[in-house]
Amino acid sequence: MTLREGDLQNTVLKKISIDEFEPKTGKSENVMVVGFHVNDQHPGKDLYKYLNNSIAEIRDVEVSPNPNEDGYYMVFLEVDRKDGVLDAVKNIVKEVENLAGKLKWSVSTPLSEELIELTDESLNTYVQQQTGVFLSKNDFDQQQLEAKQVEEENKLEEEAQSNTGKILEFLQDSNLLEAGINDGKLVMRDRSNVAELEIINFGHGPDVMSSLGIAESAIKTDFDKTTFDKFNSMLGEMRAIPIDEYVIIYNPAHKNILITRPTV
């Protein structure tokens, strides 16, 4: 019997399985297994026949002989793993909708703890489309962790570069002839002195002090007066004060402060 539009309505579930089963026509790094869930074996066989005659590039189609632990039969199809395979799967889904009707499809994949909507762009992250590559969940998680670390490092570097310009602009009201920042170190020079300080933080005074647990009441009384006389001579209208282990540089006319620490 020829299947007609809507013949499998209310028999196909909206959940699609990708990469949760081993392929039979090749290795996982080259072959993707896509599974549709149906509520009985008979509609499963109908869907099998329909997909077997599809114009899509499908390597193999079969129906599970028995229901799974949830009581559903599955129709499995195998396709080549390659760039763009997810788009090919979406086109196959459109063919299935000719029989099953429009559904809000979601995808289960071993790389994600949660179901992902078929239309969600994040699905590209969790469906492996590169020929010859198939990562385990552990390898995938490690790869994602390393990528996140690189992203955070790049973000910190961008923030540091942005802060560099702001700090140098902040120091323009001083008596310094020259100031530069390299590898997190501030080097200052006036007519007579050179000083180097490690940059800890820069920004709105109360915020950056709070982030480090610094209180104004912790100003040191046993500081090296000669060193701070030198700092303040270099800074002119600006000031340097010792709080805990830090040297706080501020401008009474501004809200921002620069938190530094003497280099060893």
Protein backbone atom coordinates (compact mmCIF):
# COMPACT_ATOMS: atom_id res chain seq x y z
CA MET A 1 0.00 0.00 0.00
CA THR A 2 1.32 3.43 -0.96
CA LEU A 3 1.76 5.74 2.00
CA ARG A 4 0.01 9.07 1.82
CA GLU A 5 0.53 12.37 3.59
CA GLY A 6 -0.38 12.14 7.27
CA ASP A 7 -0.62 8.32 7.35
CA LEU A 8 1.78 8.06 10.30
CA GLN A 9 0.42 10.98 12.29
CA ASN A 10 0.41 10.31 16.06
CA THR A 11 2.68 7.27 15.64
CA VAL A 12 6.12 8.91 15.38
CA LEU A 13 7.62 10.52 18.47
CA LYS A 14 9.29 13.93 18.26
CA LYS A 15 12.55 12.57 19.71
CA ILE A 16 15.44 11.74 17.36
CA SER A 17 18.50 9.76 18.40
CA ILE A 18 21.88 10.64 16.92
CA ASP A 19 25.10 8.68 17.56
CA GLU A 20 23.65 6.63 20.42
CA PHE A 21 23.97 3.33 18.53
CA GLU A 22 26.79 1.57 16.71
CA PRO A 23 26.60 1.52 12.89
CA LYS A 24 26.55 -1.75 10.96
CA THR A 25 27.85 -0.47 7.62
CA GLY A 26 31.12 1.04 8.85
CA LYS A 27 32.92 2.63 11.77
CA SER A 28 31.47 5.38 13.95
CA GLU A 29 34.08 7.89 12.76
CA ASN A 30 32.67 7.54 9.24
CA VAL A 31 29.03 6.54 9.75
CA MET A 32 26.29 8.25 11.80
CA VAL A 33 23.28 6.36 13.13
CA VAL A 34 20.01 8.31 13.30
CA GLY A 35 17.04 6.77 15.07
CA PHE A 36 13.33 7.63 14.91
CA HIS A 37 10.95 6.37 17.63
CA VAL A 38 7.55 4.91 16.73
CA ASN A 39 4.80 3.56 18.97
CA ASP A 40 4.41 0.19 17.23
CA GLN A 41 6.22 -2.11 14.85
CA HIS A 42 3.71 -1.72 12.02
CA PRO A 43 4.21 2.06 11.57
CA GLY A 44 7.91 1.34 12.03
CA LYS A 45 7.85 -0.93 8.99
CA ASP A 46 5.90 1.69 7.03
CA LEU A 47 8.49 4.33 7.90
CA TYR A 48 11.26 1.88 6.97
CA LYS A 49 9.77 1.34 3.50
CA TYR A 50 9.29 5.05 3.01
CA LEU A 51 12.86 5.96 3.97
CA ASN A 52 14.25 3.05 1.96
CA ASN A 53 12.84 4.75 -1.14
CA SER A 54 14.07 8.21 -0.16
CA ILE A 55 16.22 10.22 -2.56
CA ALA A 56 18.46 11.11 0.39
CA GLU A 57 21.91 9.50 0.57
CA ILE A 58 21.14 6.81 3.15
CA ARG A 59 23.49 3.86 3.56
CA ASP A 60 21.04 1.57 5.36
CA VAL A 61 17.60 1.50 7.02
CA GLU A 62 16.18 -1.04 9.44
CA VAL A 63 13.51 -1.47 12.12
CA SER A 64 14.26 -2.78 15.59
CA PRO A 65 12.77 -6.26 16.02
CA ASN A 66 11.71 -5.54 19.60
CA PRO A 67 10.61 -2.45 21.54
CA ASN A 68 13.12 -0.63 23.72
CA GLU A 69 12.84 -0.32 27.49
CA ASP A 70 10.31 2.51 27.05
CA GLY A 71 8.11 0.34 24.84
CA TYR A 72 8.91 2.05 21.54
CA TYR A 73 10.22 0.58 18.31
CA MET A 74 12.98 2.37 16.45
CA VAL A 75 13.70 2.95 12.81
CA PHE A 76 17.45 3.30 12.30
CA LEU A 77 19.12 4.84 9.31
CA GLU A 78 22.84 5.19 8.64
CA VAL A 79 24.37 8.11 6.77
CA ASP A 80 27.91 9.16 5.94
CA ARG A 81 29.52 11.31 8.61
CA LYS A 82 30.76 14.39 6.78
CA ASP A 83 30.48 18.17 6.79
CA GLY A 84 26.85 19.12 6.36
CA VAL A 85 25.46 15.78 7.53
CA LEU A 86 23.26 17.54 10.09
CA ASP A 87 21.59 19.48 7.28
CA ALA A 88 21.06 16.17 5.48
CA VAL A 89 19.39 14.76 8.62
CA LYS A 90 17.11 17.81 8.80
CA ASN A 91 16.07 17.20 5.19
CA ILE A 92 15.26 13.58 6.03
CA VAL A 93 13.17 14.83 8.97
CA LYS A 94 11.20 16.99 6.53
CA GLU A 95 10.47 13.84 4.52
CA VAL A 96 9.28 12.07 7.68
CA GLU A 97 6.98 15.02 8.40
CA ASN A 98 5.15 14.27 5.14
CA LEU A 99 3.82 11.18 6.92
CA ALA A 100 3.97 12.15 10.60
CA GLY A 101 3.02 15.82 10.41
CA LYS A 102 4.91 18.78 11.86
CA LEU A 103 6.58 18.04 15.17
CA LYS A 104 8.76 20.04 17.55
CA TRP A 105 11.74 17.72 17.09
CA SER A 106 14.38 17.28 19.77
CA VAL A 107 17.63 15.34 19.58
CA SER A 108 19.33 13.05 22.09
CA THR A 109 23.06 12.59 21.68
CA PRO A 110 25.67 11.01 23.98
CA LEU A 111 27.59 14.29 24.11
CA SER A 112 24.76 16.26 25.77
CA GLU A 113 23.03 15.60 29.06
CA GLU A 114 19.88 17.33 27.81
CA LEU A 115 17.67 17.01 24.76
CA ILE A 116 18.40 19.69 22.16
CA GLU A 117 15.82 21.11 19.79
CA LEU A 118 16.57 20.26 16.17
CA THR A 119 16.41 23.96 15.27
CA ASP A 120 18.83 25.00 18.05
CA GLU A 121 22.18 26.25 16.71
CA SER A 122 23.96 24.62 19.67
CA LEU A 123 23.18 21.24 18.12
CA ASN A 124 26.15 21.80 15.80
CA THR A 125 28.38 21.55 18.86
CA TYR A 126 26.99 18.19 19.97
CA VAL A 127 26.66 16.43 16.61
CA GLN A 128 30.01 15.31 15.20
CA GLN A 129 30.10 16.01 11.49
CA GLN A 130 33.77 15.66 10.61
CA THR A 131 34.76 12.60 8.60
CA GLY A 132 37.17 10.28 10.39
CA VAL A 133 36.63 11.79 13.84
CA PHE A 134 34.42 10.41 16.60
CA LEU A 135 35.04 11.56 20.17
CA SER A 136 33.95 9.76 23.29
CA LYS A 137 32.00 11.75 25.88
CA ASN A 138 35.14 12.10 28.03
CA ASP A 139 37.27 13.27 25.10
CA PHE A 140 34.56 15.70 24.01
CA ASP A 141 34.21 17.16 27.52
CA GLN A 142 38.00 17.56 27.74
CA GLN A 143 38.06 19.30 24.36
CA GLN A 144 35.27 21.65 25.45
CA LEU A 145 37.09 22.39 28.71
CA GLU A 146 40.31 23.23 26.88
CA ALA A 147 38.42 25.42 24.41
CA LYS A 148 36.74 27.26 27.30
CA GLN A 149 40.10 27.79 29.00
CA VAL A 150 41.57 29.25 25.80
CA GLU A 151 38.51 31.49 25.45
CA GLU A 152 38.87 32.71 29.04
CA GLU A 153 42.60 33.32 28.55
CA ASN A 154 41.90 35.32 25.40
CA LYS A 155 39.24 37.30 27.24
CA LEU A 156 41.63 38.05 30.10
CA GLU A 157 44.28 39.10 27.58
CA GLU A 158 41.81 41.42 25.85
CA GLU A 159 40.80 42.88 29.21
CA ALA A 160 44.46 43.32 30.14
CA GLN A 161 45.15 45.14 26.87
CA SER A 162 42.12 47.34 27.43
CA ASN A 163 43.21 48.05 30.99
CA THR A 164 46.73 48.91 29.81
CA GLY A 165 45.46 51.91 27.89
CA LYS A 166 43.21 52.98 30.78
CA ILE A 167 46.02 52.69 33.34
CA LEU A 168 48.47 54.69 31.23
CA GLU A 169 45.81 57.35 30.72
CA PHE A 170 45.15 57.31 34.48
CA LEU A 171 48.83 58.04 35.13
CA GLN A 172 48.95 61.08 32.84
CA ASP A 173 48.33 63.42 35.78
CA SER A 174 51.56 62.29 37.44
CA ASN A 175 55.10 63.66 37.19
CA LEU A 176 56.23 60.60 35.24
CA LEU A 177 58.30 61.06 32.14
CA GLU A 178 57.59 57.53 31.03
CA ALA A 179 55.33 54.64 32.03
CA GLY A 180 54.96 51.23 30.43
CA ILE A 181 53.29 47.92 31.13
CA ASN A 182 54.81 44.59 30.23
CA ASP A 183 53.81 41.12 31.42
CA GLY A 184 51.66 42.57 34.19
CA LYS A 185 54.40 44.85 35.49
CA LEU A 186 54.19 48.64 35.60
CA VAL A 187 57.52 50.41 35.07
CA MET A 188 57.56 54.13 35.93
CA ARG A 189 60.34 56.67 35.40
CA ASP A 190 60.70 60.33 36.29
CA ARG A 191 63.78 62.55 36.11
CA SER A 192 65.51 60.83 39.03
CA ASN A 193 63.91 57.48 39.77
CA VAL A 194 62.72 54.23 38.24
CA ALA A 195 60.15 51.99 39.97
CA GLU A 196 58.55 48.67 39.08
CA LEU A 197 55.26 47.40 40.50
CA GLU A 198 53.13 44.33 39.81
CA ILE A 199 49.64 45.30 38.64
CA ILE A 200 46.90 43.58 40.68
CA ASN A 201 43.72 45.41 39.71
CA PHE A 202 42.40 48.67 38.34
CA GLY A 203 38.98 50.25 38.45
CA HIS A 204 36.40 51.90 40.67
CA GLY A 205 37.97 52.20 44.10
CA PRO A 206 35.39 50.55 46.39
CA ASP A 207 34.74 47.73 43.90
CA VAL A 208 38.35 46.66 43.29
CA MET A 209 39.25 46.99 46.98
CA SER A 210 36.24 44.91 47.96
CA SER A 211 37.13 42.22 45.40
CA LEU A 212 40.50 41.79 47.14
CA GLY A 213 39.20 42.17 50.67
CA ILE A 214 41.12 45.41 51.18
CA ALA A 215 39.92 47.96 53.73
CA GLU A 216 41.14 51.55 54.03
CA SER A 217 41.47 50.97 57.77
CA ALA A 218 44.33 48.55 57.02
CA ILE A 219 46.80 51.27 56.03
CA LYS A 220 50.23 50.17 57.23
CA THR A 221 52.05 52.29 59.78
CA ASP A 222 55.38 50.48 59.55
CA PHE A 223 55.95 51.09 55.84
CA ASP A 224 59.21 52.05 54.18
CA LYS A 225 58.88 55.85 54.23
CA THR A 226 61.79 56.39 51.84
CA THR A 227 60.22 54.17 49.19
CA PHE A 228 56.83 55.86 49.45
CA ASP A 229 58.40 59.32 49.41
CA LYS A 230 59.96 58.28 46.09
CA PHE A 231 56.63 56.98 44.75
CA ASN A 232 54.80 60.17 45.72
CA SER A 233 57.52 62.34 44.24
CA MET A 234 57.12 60.49 40.97
CA LEU A 235 53.33 60.64 41.09
CA GLY A 236 53.00 64.38 41.72
CA GLU A 237 49.33 65.21 42.28
CA MET A 238 48.58 61.50 42.57
CA ARG A 239 49.33 59.49 45.70
CA ALA A 240 50.61 56.05 46.73
CA ILE A 241 49.61 54.55 50.08
CA PRO A 242 50.45 51.16 51.65
CA ILE A 243 47.48 48.94 52.53
CA ASP A 244 48.25 45.38 53.63
CA GLU A 245 50.74 44.01 51.08
CA TYR A 246 49.62 46.42 48.36
CA VAL A 247 50.61 49.80 47.03
CA ILE A 248 47.45 51.72 46.20
CA ILE A 249 47.86 54.49 43.63
CA TYR A 250 45.04 56.99 43.42
CA ASN A 251 44.14 60.42 42.19
CA PRO A 252 42.03 62.49 44.61
CA ALA A 253 40.20 63.92 41.61
CA HIS A 254 39.11 60.52 40.27
CA LYS A 255 37.19 57.48 41.51
CA ASN A 256 39.45 54.86 39.92
CA ILE A 257 42.43 53.41 41.76
CA LEU A 258 45.36 51.23 40.72
CA ILE A 259 46.22 48.36 43.04
CA THR A 260 49.82 47.18 42.74
CA ARG A 261 52.32 45.14 44.69
CA PRO A 262 56.07 45.69 44.98
CA THR A 263 58.08 43.29 42.84
CA VAL A 264 60.58 41.10 44.63
